[in-house]
Structure formats: structure tokens, C-alpha cells
Amino acid sequence: MKDSTTDIKERESSEEPLQPERIDLGSFTRPRKRVFIFLLLATSLLLLGVAFLLWWVPYVGLANIHTSVPVILAFLLGCVVLVSLGAVLTLVFTIIRGKNLFFNRRIRGVVIRVLFPLLVGVGRCFGIRKSEIRRSFVAINNQLVMAEAKKVQPEQMLILLPHCLQNHDCAVRITGDVHNCKSCGKCKIKNLAALSEKYHVHVAVATGGTLARKIVVEKRPRIIIAVACERDLTSGIQDAYPIPVFGVFNQRPFGPCYDTDVNIDLVEKGLKTFLSN
């Protein structure tokens, strides 16, 4: 997944390693929902206010043209508001219940393509850090992917890893083939390669967004389990759409992009969730 040195200071000051007390995909997404839902409802109220202004301002002048024009405009704007609120409520209930309601794939697309950029701007107005919004976005995306519950064959799944999981002292090149790992145990690449062999799924290491996209095109997976930081997971989920991406936050005991770690049990839990056998 892609990265940029311009966000290093932001990461160092705001990001924390994710260390869940128990391995549970549901609990993994639960702590971050409130931020996304809050911004979603705040945005809906903002749109409602804008719709009211768009109706009220012409109401003063349009009545001079014809008395029915303000009523017609109010009806049209009311329909737009009702459709928008209906979509928002459907998304909120999908998140809360964890079940696929109506058009889940389309909802996931709206969240990825439209709502996330919009909510980032709204979040700034409330003083919410971008890194926190990214965490919430990834958690909501994971909830929608799990609600869709797509089952795939092992050859249709891809585990995509960042190169920073490899120990910085290691001289073995694993970007081309993770199974070149010598299993020294200094990093979790050994464990992830073992998971790949155990479940017969593809695993690859990407040094950036361009290589990650190339790997996805070559492997053509139907679902991806991606390990990365908040920023890279967010951009990766957007780049990979409509392919479902289940994101697992890496752990950064030494800071970003340096000897990072990952919860192996959580990755394996994801494999068991989406594999058909």
C-alpha cells in the first residue's frame, strides 16, 4: 500500500499500535464505529440545513414568479433529503446489526468513494484527527465486508503485506517471494508465510501503492486481507474497490515504517472467516 514521508510526523504523534485483548473480528471493529457514525449523522444534519437554505432563499423571490414554484421546489428538495436520510439509516443499521441489508456492495462503494472524503472535511470542523477518521473508516469497511460474508476458494484470496514487517537487518529479499524467508524468527514474515502454506492462499509483500496494485492485477483475488497502517489501508481499500479488502492494522512499537508487527491470530481469524473450506 502507498505511503508518503509528508505524513510521518502525523503518524508519530497520533497513531498507536492496535493490541486487542481478545481475537474477535466483531470487537476489532466495534471501538471505532462511533466516530464514523457521528460524522455520518453530522453530515446528514448539515445537508438538511443546506437543503433548507436552498429552499428558503428562492422561496422569498420565486413566489413573485408563481405561487406554486416554492412548493414544487420544496417537494423536490424533500425527496432528495428523504432518499439521503434513507441511505444513511440503511448504512447505520448495517453497521450496528452487522448484517447485509439491501444493497451492501453499493453501500460499501458509496462509503469508499463519496462518504469518506466528505467526512474527512466534516471531521476537521469538529477537530477530529485524520488518523482517527481513517481508523474509523477501516473499521466500518471491515464491518461491511464481513456483513457481505463472501466465501472464496483459497486461490481466490490474497494476503497483502507491507515491507516494513520484515526486520530491518534482514538481507533476504522477500518482495518477490515471501517463501524466501529463512524463518529466523526476528519478524512475523515467518508466521505469515506459514499461514499461506497452511491455508494454501497467496501472500505477497508490497513496497508501495504501485507494486500493490500490480500484485492485485496479477493475482486477481476476490478478497484481500491487507496488513498496513491507517493511511495505507485507507488508500488501498479505495484503490482495490470493488474487490473487498479486510484491513488489519499493523503494530508500530518503533514508530511507523520500521520493524512493525502484526497480530497473527487476527490475520488467521480473517482467513477462516472468508475461506469456504
C-alpha atoms as a PDB file:
ATOM      1  CA  MET A   1       0.000   0.000   0.000  1.00  0.00           C
ATOM      2  CA  LYS A   2       1.252   3.510  -0.787  1.00  0.00           C
ATOM      3  CA  ASP A   3       2.987   5.761   1.662  1.00  0.00           C
ATOM      4  CA  SER A   4       4.300   9.334   1.894  1.00  0.00           C
ATOM      5  CA  THR A   5       7.014  10.858   4.038  1.00  0.00           C
ATOM      6  CA  THR A   6       4.921  14.001   4.468  1.00  0.00           C
ATOM      7  CA  ASP A   7       2.683  12.192   6.990  1.00  0.00           C
ATOM      8  CA  ILE A   8       5.474  10.775   9.185  1.00  0.00           C
ATOM      9  CA  LYS A   9       5.118  13.429  11.880  1.00  0.00           C
ATOM     10  CA  GLU A  10       1.358  12.994  11.911  1.00  0.00           C
ATOM     11  CA  ARG A  11       1.739   9.215  12.365  1.00  0.00           C
ATOM     12  CA  GLU A  12       4.305   9.525  15.140  1.00  0.00           C
ATOM     13  CA  SER A  13       2.087  11.903  17.100  1.00  0.00           C
ATOM     14  CA  SER A  14      -1.290  10.263  16.601  1.00  0.00           C
ATOM     15  CA  GLU A  15      -1.071   6.572  15.799  1.00  0.00           C
ATOM     16  CA  GLU A  16      -0.931   3.822  18.366  1.00  0.00           C
ATOM     17  CA  PRO A  17      -0.355   0.082  17.945  1.00  0.00           C
ATOM     18  CA  LEU A  18      -3.518  -1.944  17.853  1.00  0.00           C
ATOM     19  CA  GLN A  19      -3.433  -4.616  20.551  1.00  0.00           C
ATOM     20  CA  PRO A  20      -6.868  -6.188  21.058  1.00  0.00           C
ATOM     21  CA  GLU A  21      -7.381  -8.078  24.304  1.00  0.00           C
ATOM     22  CA  ARG A  22      -9.095 -10.935  22.524  1.00  0.00           C
ATOM     23  CA  ILE A  23      -9.144 -12.130  18.967  1.00  0.00           C
ATOM     24  CA  ASP A  24     -12.619 -11.282  17.763  1.00  0.00           C
ATOM     25  CA  LEU A  25     -13.385  -9.704  14.399  1.00  0.00           C
ATOM     26  CA  GLY A  26     -16.508  -8.128  15.836  1.00  0.00           C
ATOM     27  CA  SER A  27     -14.695  -6.474  18.736  1.00  0.00           C
ATOM     28  CA  PHE A  28     -11.945  -5.402  16.340  1.00  0.00           C
ATOM     29  CA  THR A  29     -14.344  -3.098  14.500  1.00  0.00           C
ATOM     30  CA  ARG A  30     -16.526  -2.030  17.433  1.00  0.00           C
ATOM     31  CA  PRO A  31     -14.365   0.652  19.171  1.00  0.00           C
ATOM     32  CA  ARG A  32     -14.052   2.775  16.024  1.00  0.00           C
ATOM     33  CA  LYS A  33     -17.677   2.828  14.856  1.00  0.00           C
ATOM     34  CA  ARG A  34     -18.771   5.802  16.924  1.00  0.00           C
ATOM     35  CA  VAL A  35     -16.518   8.286  15.120  1.00  0.00           C
ATOM     36  CA  PHE A  36     -17.801   7.303  11.683  1.00  0.00           C
ATOM     37  CA  ILE A  37     -21.440   7.215  12.770  1.00  0.00           C
ATOM     38  CA  PHE A  38     -21.107  10.607  14.491  1.00  0.00           C
ATOM     39  CA  LEU A  39     -19.614  12.198  11.375  1.00  0.00           C
ATOM     40  CA  LEU A  40     -22.244  10.484   9.217  1.00  0.00           C
ATOM     41  CA  LEU A  41     -25.117  11.921  11.260  1.00  0.00           C
ATOM     42  CA  ALA A  42     -23.443  15.340  11.499  1.00  0.00           C
ATOM     43  CA  THR A  43     -23.072  15.403   7.723  1.00  0.00           C
ATOM     44  CA  SER A  44     -26.739  14.470   7.309  1.00  0.00           C
ATOM     45  CA  LEU A  45     -27.782  17.360   9.547  1.00  0.00           C
ATOM     46  CA  LEU A  46     -25.501  19.680   7.606  1.00  0.00           C
ATOM     47  CA  LEU A  47     -27.051  18.578   4.319  1.00  0.00           C
ATOM     48  CA  LEU A  48     -30.503  19.067   5.832  1.00  0.00           C
ATOM     49  CA  GLY A  49     -29.578  22.631   6.764  1.00  0.00           C
ATOM     50  CA  VAL A  50     -28.212  23.313   3.287  1.00  0.00           C
ATOM     51  CA  ALA A  51     -31.368  21.892   1.719  1.00  0.00           C
ATOM     52  CA  PHE A  52     -33.492  24.182   3.901  1.00  0.00           C
ATOM     53  CA  LEU A  53     -31.487  27.232   2.846  1.00  0.00           C
ATOM     54  CA  LEU A  54     -31.732  26.251  -0.816  1.00  0.00           C
ATOM     55  CA  TRP A  55     -35.481  26.131  -0.370  1.00  0.00           C
ATOM     56  CA  TRP A  56     -35.943  29.193   1.823  1.00  0.00           C
ATOM     57  CA  VAL A  57     -33.875  31.628  -0.231  1.00  0.00           C
ATOM     58  CA  PRO A  58     -35.727  31.004  -3.518  1.00  0.00           C
ATOM     59  CA  TYR A  59     -38.986  30.980  -1.575  1.00  0.00           C
ATOM     60  CA  VAL A  60     -38.680  34.676  -0.963  1.00  0.00           C
ATOM     61  CA  GLY A  61     -38.125  35.509  -4.633  1.00  0.00           C
ATOM     62  CA  LEU A  62     -39.723  32.692  -6.611  1.00  0.00           C
ATOM     63  CA  ALA A  63     -43.144  33.390  -5.150  1.00  0.00           C
ATOM     64  CA  ASN A  64     -43.197  36.576  -7.189  1.00  0.00           C
ATOM     65  CA  ILE A  65     -42.946  34.472 -10.376  1.00  0.00           C
ATOM     66  CA  HIS A  66     -45.654  31.957  -9.458  1.00  0.00           C
ATOM     67  CA  THR A  67     -47.086  30.969  -6.118  1.00  0.00           C
ATOM     68  CA  SER A  68     -46.650  27.226  -6.806  1.00  0.00           C
ATOM     69  CA  VAL A  69     -42.899  27.378  -7.609  1.00  0.00           C
ATOM     70  CA  PRO A  70     -41.719  27.394  -3.936  1.00  0.00           C
ATOM     71  CA  VAL A  71     -43.988  24.425  -3.183  1.00  0.00           C
ATOM     72  CA  ILE A  72     -42.630  22.423  -6.114  1.00  0.00           C
ATOM     73  CA  LEU A  73     -39.035  23.206  -5.127  1.00  0.00           C
ATOM     74  CA  ALA A  74     -39.742  22.230  -1.517  1.00  0.00           C
ATOM     75  CA  PHE A  75     -41.188  18.901  -2.688  1.00  0.00           C
ATOM     76  CA  LEU A  76     -38.134  18.125  -4.850  1.00  0.00           C
ATOM     77  CA  LEU A  77     -35.680  19.022  -2.095  1.00  0.00           C
ATOM     78  CA  GLY A  78     -37.729  16.993   0.381  1.00  0.00           C
ATOM     79  CA  CYS A  79     -37.417  13.942  -1.859  1.00  0.00           C
ATOM     80  CA  VAL A  80     -33.640  14.394  -2.050  1.00  0.00           C
ATOM     81  CA  VAL A  81     -33.410  14.695   1.733  1.00  0.00           C
ATOM     82  CA  LEU A  82     -35.595  11.617   2.328  1.00  0.00           C
ATOM     83  CA  VAL A  83     -33.551   9.483  -0.084  1.00  0.00           C
ATOM     84  CA  SER A  84     -30.301  10.668   1.532  1.00  0.00           C
ATOM     85  CA  LEU A  85     -31.554  10.012   5.055  1.00  0.00           C
ATOM     86  CA  GLY A  86     -32.838   6.593   3.984  1.00  0.00           C
ATOM     87  CA  ALA A  87     -29.401   5.675   2.640  1.00  0.00           C
ATOM     88  CA  VAL A  88     -27.724   6.935   5.815  1.00  0.00           C
ATOM     89  CA  LEU A  89     -30.091   4.979   8.080  1.00  0.00           C
ATOM     90  CA  THR A  90     -29.588   1.832   5.992  1.00  0.00           C
ATOM     91  CA  LEU A  91     -25.829   2.194   6.398  1.00  0.00           C
ATOM     92  CA  VAL A  92     -26.103   2.866  10.141  1.00  0.00           C
ATOM     93  CA  PHE A  93     -28.345  -0.187  10.709  1.00  0.00           C
ATOM     94  CA  THR A  94     -25.984  -2.330   8.617  1.00  0.00           C
ATOM     95  CA  ILE A  95     -23.081  -1.201  10.803  1.00  0.00           C
ATOM     96  CA  ILE A  96     -24.958  -1.708  14.073  1.00  0.00           C
ATOM     97  CA  ARG A  97     -26.521  -5.079  13.219  1.00  0.00           C
ATOM     98  CA  GLY A  98     -23.521  -6.409  11.300  1.00  0.00           C
ATOM     99  CA  LYS A  99     -25.828  -7.920   8.678  1.00  0.00           C
ATOM    100  CA  ASN A 100     -26.167  -7.292   4.974  1.00  0.00           C
ATOM    101  CA  LEU A 101     -29.150  -5.002   4.481  1.00  0.00           C
ATOM    102  CA  PHE A 102     -30.357  -4.410   0.934  1.00  0.00           C
ATOM    103  CA  PHE A 103     -27.553  -3.248  -1.395  1.00  0.00           C
ATOM    104  CA  ASN A 104     -24.484  -3.818   0.761  1.00  0.00           C
ATOM    105  CA  ARG A 105     -21.942  -3.712  -2.086  1.00  0.00           C
ATOM    106  CA  ARG A 106     -23.363  -0.447  -3.372  1.00  0.00           C
ATOM    107  CA  ILE A 107     -23.337   0.957   0.159  1.00  0.00           C
ATOM    108  CA  ARG A 108     -19.680  -0.015   0.523  1.00  0.00           C
ATOM    109  CA  GLY A 109     -18.945   1.780  -2.731  1.00  0.00           C
ATOM    110  CA  VAL A 110     -20.695   4.944  -1.527  1.00  0.00           C
ATOM    111  CA  VAL A 111     -18.739   4.824   1.735  1.00  0.00           C
ATOM    112  CA  ILE A 112     -15.426   4.385  -0.077  1.00  0.00           C
ATOM    113  CA  ARG A 113     -15.929   6.791  -2.973  1.00  0.00           C
ATOM    114  CA  VAL A 114     -18.158   9.502  -1.536  1.00  0.00           C
ATOM    115  CA  LEU A 115     -18.631   9.492   2.220  1.00  0.00           C
ATOM    116  CA  PHE A 116     -15.030   9.105   3.361  1.00  0.00           C
ATOM    117  CA  PRO A 117     -13.678  12.218   1.563  1.00  0.00           C
ATOM    118  CA  LEU A 118     -16.756  14.154   2.724  1.00  0.00           C
ATOM    119  CA  LEU A 119     -16.428  13.011   6.339  1.00  0.00           C
ATOM    120  CA  VAL A 120     -12.752  13.959   6.429  1.00  0.00           C
ATOM    121  CA  GLY A 121     -13.766  17.552   5.724  1.00  0.00           C
ATOM    122  CA  VAL A 122     -16.585  17.457   8.277  1.00  0.00           C
ATOM    123  CA  GLY A 123     -14.236  15.904  10.831  1.00  0.00           C
ATOM    124  CA  ARG A 124     -11.841  18.817  10.525  1.00  0.00           C
ATOM    125  CA  CYS A 125     -14.651  21.155  11.576  1.00  0.00           C
ATOM    126  CA  PHE A 126     -15.030  19.119  14.777  1.00  0.00           C
ATOM    127  CA  GLY A 127     -11.282  18.906  15.396  1.00  0.00           C
ATOM    128  CA  ILE A 128     -11.124  15.123  14.800  1.00  0.00           C
ATOM    129  CA  ARG A 129      -7.710  13.970  13.616  1.00  0.00           C
ATOM    130  CA  LYS A 130      -7.466  12.470  10.159  1.00  0.00           C
ATOM    131  CA  SER A 131      -5.759   9.366  11.536  1.00  0.00           C
ATOM    132  CA  GLU A 132      -8.744   8.701  13.808  1.00  0.00           C
ATOM    133  CA  ILE A 133     -11.161   9.102  10.896  1.00  0.00           C
ATOM    134  CA  ARG A 134      -9.029   6.673   8.873  1.00  0.00           C
ATOM    135  CA  ARG A 135      -9.197   4.110  11.686  1.00  0.00           C
ATOM    136  CA  SER A 136     -12.951   4.508  11.842  1.00  0.00           C
ATOM    137  CA  PHE A 137     -13.233   4.205   8.058  1.00  0.00           C
ATOM    138  CA  VAL A 138     -11.233   0.965   8.011  1.00  0.00           C
ATOM    139  CA  ALA A 139     -13.325  -0.463  10.843  1.00  0.00           C
ATOM    140  CA  ILE A 140     -16.578   0.419   9.061  1.00  0.00           C
ATOM    141  CA  ASN A 141     -15.236  -1.047   5.818  1.00  0.00           C
ATOM    142  CA  ASN A 142     -14.360  -4.257   7.675  1.00  0.00           C
ATOM    143  CA  GLN A 143     -17.877  -4.367   9.118  1.00  0.00           C
ATOM    144  CA  LEU A 144     -19.412  -4.064   5.645  1.00  0.00           C
ATOM    145  CA  VAL A 145     -17.049  -6.676   4.194  1.00  0.00           C
ATOM    146  CA  MET A 146     -17.952  -9.092   6.992  1.00  0.00           C
ATOM    147  CA  ALA A 147     -21.654  -8.339   6.546  1.00  0.00           C
ATOM    148  CA  GLU A 148     -21.287  -9.282   2.898  1.00  0.00           C
ATOM    149  CA  ALA A 149     -19.640 -12.535   4.108  1.00  0.00           C
ATOM    150  CA  LYS A 150     -18.213 -13.527   0.741  1.00  0.00           C
ATOM    151  CA  LYS A 151     -16.807 -17.068   0.833  1.00  0.00           C
ATOM    152  CA  VAL A 152     -13.966 -17.814  -1.572  1.00  0.00           C
ATOM    153  CA  GLN A 153     -11.608 -20.616  -2.514  1.00  0.00           C
ATOM    154  CA  PRO A 154      -8.004 -20.393  -1.184  1.00  0.00           C
ATOM    155  CA  GLU A 155      -6.605 -19.498  -4.612  1.00  0.00           C
ATOM    156  CA  GLN A 156      -9.006 -16.535  -4.756  1.00  0.00           C
ATOM    157  CA  MET A 157      -7.659 -14.938  -1.591  1.00  0.00           C
ATOM    158  CA  LEU A 158      -4.611 -12.703  -1.192  1.00  0.00           C
ATOM    159  CA  ILE A 159      -2.747 -11.682   1.948  1.00  0.00           C
ATOM    160  CA  LEU A 160      -1.047  -8.368   1.171  1.00  0.00           C
ATOM    161  CA  LEU A 161       1.731  -7.227   3.498  1.00  0.00           C
ATOM    162  CA  PRO A 162       3.875  -4.089   3.903  1.00  0.00           C
ATOM    163  CA  HIS A 163       7.647  -4.443   3.559  1.00  0.00           C
ATOM    164  CA  CYS A 164       8.164  -2.813   6.974  1.00  0.00           C
ATOM    165  CA  LEU A 165       7.101  -6.083   8.648  1.00  0.00           C
ATOM    166  CA  GLN A 166      10.496  -7.502   7.691  1.00  0.00           C
ATOM    167  CA  ASN A 167      13.295  -6.965  10.191  1.00  0.00           C
ATOM    168  CA  HIS A 168      15.500  -4.075   9.081  1.00  0.00           C
ATOM    169  CA  ASP A 169      18.681  -6.168   9.467  1.00  0.00           C
ATOM    170  CA  CYS A 170      17.441  -8.959   7.206  1.00  0.00           C
ATOM    171  CA  ALA A 171      19.323  -9.297   3.905  1.00  0.00           C
ATOM    172  CA  VAL A 172      16.882 -11.784   2.345  1.00  0.00           C
ATOM    173  CA  ARG A 173      14.719 -10.389  -0.443  1.00  0.00           C
ATOM    174  CA  ILE A 174      11.095 -11.357   0.167  1.00  0.00           C
ATOM    175  CA  THR A 175       9.348  -8.801  -2.060  1.00  0.00           C
ATOM    176  CA  GLY A 176       9.336 -11.204  -4.997  1.00  0.00           C
ATOM    177  CA  ASP A 177       8.618 -14.322  -2.953  1.00  0.00           C
ATOM    178  CA  VAL A 178       7.740 -14.363   0.753  1.00  0.00           C
ATOM    179  CA  HIS A 179       8.751 -18.007   0.921  1.00  0.00           C
ATOM    180  CA  ASN A 180      12.397 -16.943   0.514  1.00  0.00           C
ATOM    181  CA  CYS A 181      12.186 -16.182   4.241  1.00  0.00           C
ATOM    182  CA  LYS A 182      14.788 -18.135   6.233  1.00  0.00           C
ATOM    183  CA  SER A 183      12.446 -18.395   9.249  1.00  0.00           C
ATOM    184  CA  CYS A 184      14.901 -16.841  11.681  1.00  0.00           C
ATOM    185  CA  GLY A 185      12.021 -15.625  13.848  1.00  0.00           C
ATOM    186  CA  LYS A 186      13.119 -11.986  14.109  1.00  0.00           C
ATOM    187  CA  CYS A 187       9.891 -10.814  12.457  1.00  0.00           C
ATOM    188  CA  LYS A 188       6.405 -12.133  11.658  1.00  0.00           C
ATOM    189  CA  ILE A 189       7.114 -12.882   7.982  1.00  0.00           C
ATOM    190  CA  LYS A 190       7.906 -16.446   9.056  1.00  0.00           C
ATOM    191  CA  ASN A 191       4.451 -16.828  10.639  1.00  0.00           C
ATOM    192  CA  LEU A 192       2.627 -15.248   7.710  1.00  0.00           C
ATOM    193  CA  ALA A 193       4.424 -17.495   5.219  1.00  0.00           C
ATOM    194  CA  ALA A 194       3.379 -20.446   7.368  1.00  0.00           C
ATOM    195  CA  LEU A 195      -0.246 -19.281   7.261  1.00  0.00           C
ATOM    196  CA  SER A 196      -0.009 -19.068   3.485  1.00  0.00           C
ATOM    197  CA  GLU A 197       1.137 -22.681   3.286  1.00  0.00           C
ATOM    198  CA  LYS A 198      -1.372 -23.889   5.868  1.00  0.00           C
ATOM    199  CA  TYR A 199      -4.407 -22.419   4.089  1.00  0.00           C
ATOM    200  CA  HIS A 200      -2.973 -22.539   0.545  1.00  0.00           C
ATOM    201  CA  VAL A 201      -3.550 -18.813  -0.073  1.00  0.00           C
ATOM    202  CA  HIS A 202      -1.400 -16.301  -1.936  1.00  0.00           C
ATOM    203  CA  VAL A 203       0.750 -13.950   0.140  1.00  0.00           C
ATOM    204  CA  ALA A 204       2.757 -11.006  -1.186  1.00  0.00           C
ATOM    205  CA  VAL A 205       4.796  -8.087   0.116  1.00  0.00           C
ATOM    206  CA  ALA A 206       4.387  -4.632  -1.423  1.00  0.00           C
ATOM    207  CA  THR A 207       6.850  -1.761  -1.069  1.00  0.00           C
ATOM    208  CA  GLY A 208       4.311   0.828  -2.171  1.00  0.00           C
ATOM    209  CA  GLY A 209       0.967   1.517  -3.789  1.00  0.00           C
ATOM    210  CA  THR A 210       2.153   0.949  -7.355  1.00  0.00           C
ATOM    211  CA  LEU A 211       3.514  -2.520  -6.596  1.00  0.00           C
ATOM    212  CA  ALA A 212       0.439  -3.352  -4.525  1.00  0.00           C
ATOM    213  CA  ARG A 213      -1.840  -2.554  -7.458  1.00  0.00           C
ATOM    214  CA  LYS A 214       0.379  -4.610  -9.764  1.00  0.00           C
ATOM    215  CA  ILE A 215       0.152  -7.598  -7.420  1.00  0.00           C
ATOM    216  CA  VAL A 216      -3.642  -7.308  -7.251  1.00  0.00           C
ATOM    217  CA  VAL A 217      -3.888  -7.195 -11.062  1.00  0.00           C
ATOM    218  CA  GLU A 218      -1.650 -10.258 -11.396  1.00  0.00           C
ATOM    219  CA  LYS A 219      -3.269 -12.370  -8.666  1.00  0.00           C
ATOM    220  CA  ARG A 220      -6.827 -11.238  -9.423  1.00  0.00           C
ATOM    221  CA  PRO A 221      -8.147 -12.109  -5.941  1.00  0.00           C
ATOM    222  CA  ARG A 222     -11.804 -11.983  -4.983  1.00  0.00           C
ATOM    223  CA  ILE A 223     -10.952 -10.826  -1.467  1.00  0.00           C
ATOM    224  CA  ILE A 224      -7.852  -9.314   0.133  1.00  0.00           C
ATOM    225  CA  ILE A 225      -6.646  -9.380   3.710  1.00  0.00           C
ATOM    226  CA  ALA A 226      -4.315  -6.393   3.942  1.00  0.00           C
ATOM    227  CA  VAL A 227      -1.919  -5.518   6.737  1.00  0.00           C
ATOM    228  CA  ALA A 228      -0.788  -1.896   6.903  1.00  0.00           C
ATOM    229  CA  CYS A 229      -1.061   1.395   8.773  1.00  0.00           C
ATOM    230  CA  GLU A 230      -4.216   3.501   8.748  1.00  0.00           C
ATOM    231  CA  ARG A 231      -3.124   5.699   5.845  1.00  0.00           C
ATOM    232  CA  ASP A 232      -2.061   2.831   3.590  1.00  0.00           C
ATOM    233  CA  LEU A 233      -5.113   0.712   4.401  1.00  0.00           C
ATOM    234  CA  THR A 234      -7.406   3.619   3.561  1.00  0.00           C
ATOM    235  CA  SER A 235      -5.767   4.284   0.200  1.00  0.00           C
ATOM    236  CA  GLY A 236      -5.545   0.552  -0.532  1.00  0.00           C
ATOM    237  CA  ILE A 237      -9.236  -0.025   0.155  1.00  0.00           C
ATOM    238  CA  GLN A 238     -10.081   2.830  -2.206  1.00  0.00           C
ATOM    239  CA  ASP A 239      -7.696   1.615  -4.925  1.00  0.00           C
ATOM    240  CA  ALA A 240      -8.860  -2.020  -4.765  1.00  0.00           C
ATOM    241  CA  TYR A 241     -12.613  -1.329  -4.906  1.00  0.00           C
ATOM    242  CA  PRO A 242     -14.807  -3.202  -5.862  1.00  0.00           C
ATOM    243  CA  ILE A 243     -12.601  -6.025  -4.533  1.00  0.00           C
ATOM    244  CA  PRO A 244     -13.408  -6.387  -0.796  1.00  0.00           C
ATOM    245  CA  VAL A 245     -10.426  -5.588   1.447  1.00  0.00           C
ATOM    246  CA  PHE A 246     -10.377  -6.629   5.099  1.00  0.00           C
ATOM    247  CA  GLY A 247      -7.849  -4.375   6.827  1.00  0.00           C
ATOM    248  CA  VAL A 248      -5.643  -5.378   9.750  1.00  0.00           C
ATOM    249  CA  PHE A 249      -3.716  -2.562  11.426  1.00  0.00           C
ATOM    250  CA  ASN A 250      -0.042  -3.213  11.905  1.00  0.00           C
ATOM    251  CA  GLN A 251       1.608  -2.516  15.243  1.00  0.00           C
ATOM    252  CA  ARG A 252       4.417   0.076  15.431  1.00  0.00           C
ATOM    253  CA  PRO A 253       6.464  -0.332  18.608  1.00  0.00           C
ATOM    254  CA  PHE A 254       9.393   1.509  16.965  1.00  0.00           C
ATOM    255  CA  GLY A 255       7.386   4.062  15.029  1.00  0.00           C
ATOM    256  CA  PRO A 256       5.965   3.997  11.500  1.00  0.00           C
ATOM    257  CA  CYS A 257       7.582   2.010   8.678  1.00  0.00           C
ATOM    258  CA  TYR A 258      10.253   0.414  10.872  1.00  0.00           C
ATOM    259  CA  ASP A 259      10.211  -3.133  12.269  1.00  0.00           C
ATOM    260  CA  THR A 260       6.433  -3.183  12.517  1.00  0.00           C
ATOM    261  CA  ASP A 261       4.421  -6.089  13.892  1.00  0.00           C
ATOM    262  CA  VAL A 262       1.008  -7.705  13.354  1.00  0.00           C
ATOM    263  CA  ASN A 263      -1.403  -9.864  15.293  1.00  0.00           C
ATOM    264  CA  ILE A 264      -1.082 -13.250  13.562  1.00  0.00           C
ATOM    265  CA  ASP A 265      -4.184 -14.640  15.270  1.00  0.00           C
ATOM    266  CA  LEU A 266      -6.287 -11.826  13.823  1.00  0.00           C
ATOM    267  CA  VAL A 267      -4.998 -12.499  10.295  1.00  0.00           C
ATOM    268  CA  GLU A 268      -5.782 -16.201  10.699  1.00  0.00           C
ATOM    269  CA  LYS A 269      -9.243 -15.374  12.035  1.00  0.00           C
ATOM    270  CA  GLY A 270      -9.842 -13.369   8.862  1.00  0.00           C
ATOM    271  CA  LEU A 271      -8.747 -16.317   6.732  1.00  0.00           C
ATOM    272  CA  LYS A 272     -11.157 -18.638   8.500  1.00  0.00           C
ATOM    273  CA  THR A 273     -13.970 -16.126   8.107  1.00  0.00           C
ATOM    274  CA  PHE A 274     -13.726 -15.760   4.342  1.00  0.00           C
ATOM    275  CA  LEU A 275     -12.437 -19.174   3.189  1.00  0.00           C
ATOM    276  CA  SER A 276     -15.087 -21.605   2.020  1.00  0.00           C
ATOM    277  CA  ASN A 277     -13.307 -24.662   3.454  1.00  0.00           C
END
